[in-house]
Protein backbone atom coordinates (compact mmCIF):
# COMPACT_ATOMS: atom_id res chain seq x y z
CA MET A 1 1.88 -111.06 144.24
CA THR A 2 2.67 -107.57 142.95
CA ARG A 3 0.32 -104.61 142.43
CA ILE A 4 0.75 -101.43 140.42
CA GLY A 5 1.96 -98.58 142.64
CA GLU A 6 3.31 -100.82 145.40
CA VAL A 7 6.92 -101.83 146.00
CA ALA A 8 7.49 -105.52 145.26
CA THR A 9 8.54 -107.60 148.25
CA GLU A 10 8.57 -111.02 146.56
CA TYR A 11 9.80 -112.71 143.44
CA GLY A 12 8.96 -116.35 142.83
CA TRP A 13 9.22 -119.49 140.75
CA VAL A 14 5.88 -120.76 139.46
CA VAL A 15 5.46 -124.44 140.34
CA THR A 16 1.81 -124.86 139.29
CA GLY A 17 -0.92 -122.61 137.94
CA ILE A 18 -0.78 -119.59 135.67
CA LEU A 19 -0.32 -115.89 136.37
CA ARG A 20 -0.75 -112.82 134.21
CA ARG A 21 1.20 -109.57 134.07
CA VAL A 22 -0.95 -106.45 133.63
CA THR A 23 -0.14 -102.75 133.30
CA ILE A 24 -2.27 -99.66 132.70
CA SER A 25 -1.90 -97.72 129.43
CA ALA A 26 -1.59 -93.93 129.21
CA GLU A 27 -5.30 -93.93 128.29
CA GLY A 28 -6.14 -95.77 131.51
CA ARG A 29 -6.87 -99.15 129.91
CA GLU A 30 -5.71 -102.47 131.32
CA VAL A 31 -3.07 -104.04 129.07
CA VAL A 32 -2.08 -107.69 129.47
CA LYS A 33 1.71 -107.84 129.08
CA GLY A 34 1.95 -111.61 129.25
CA PHE A 35 1.36 -114.83 131.12
CA VAL A 36 3.64 -116.74 133.46
CA GLU A 37 3.46 -120.53 133.36
CA PRO A 38 5.08 -123.21 135.53
CA GLY A 39 8.86 -123.27 135.23
CA ARG A 40 9.21 -119.48 135.00
CA PHE A 41 9.85 -116.64 137.42
CA ALA A 42 7.10 -114.17 138.35
CA GLY A 43 7.10 -110.74 139.97
CA ASP A 44 8.47 -107.27 139.36
CA TYR A 45 12.22 -107.80 139.63
CA ARG A 46 13.01 -104.12 138.95
CA SER A 47 10.78 -102.98 141.80
CA LEU A 48 12.19 -105.63 144.14
CA LEU A 49 15.80 -104.60 143.46
CA THR A 50 15.39 -100.82 143.36
CA GLY A 51 12.50 -100.21 145.75
CA ALA A 52 10.64 -98.33 143.01
CA LYS A 53 6.86 -98.59 142.76
CA SER A 54 5.76 -101.39 140.47
CA ARG A 55 4.42 -100.57 137.03
CA GLN A 56 2.66 -103.91 136.75
CA THR A 57 0.30 -106.21 138.59
CA VAL A 58 1.06 -109.93 138.71
CA GLU A 59 -1.98 -112.01 139.60
CA ALA A 60 -2.97 -115.67 139.60
CA LEU A 61 -5.61 -116.66 137.06
CA LYS A 62 -6.18 -119.98 138.81
CA ARG A 63 -4.97 -121.66 141.97
CA SER A 64 -1.18 -121.49 141.81
CA HIS A 65 1.80 -122.62 143.87
CA LEU A 66 4.95 -120.48 143.90
CA LEU A 67 8.30 -120.71 145.62
CA ALA A 68 8.89 -117.09 146.62
CA SER A 69 11.58 -115.20 148.44
């Protein structure tokens, strides 16, 4: 859905599945910032609104269905 260093083009509502939000630490390690379950929004809203490069990756951990715009 969103990748670090890219500008977000979508933001969505999770209907089924589970996603995780990941960033990279100053030391270059992957840091899990949280999980997104059904009934919640997913994506990098800041990047979507401002056009700034995303500081996080949002990825599905299992087959997921989202309503995205």
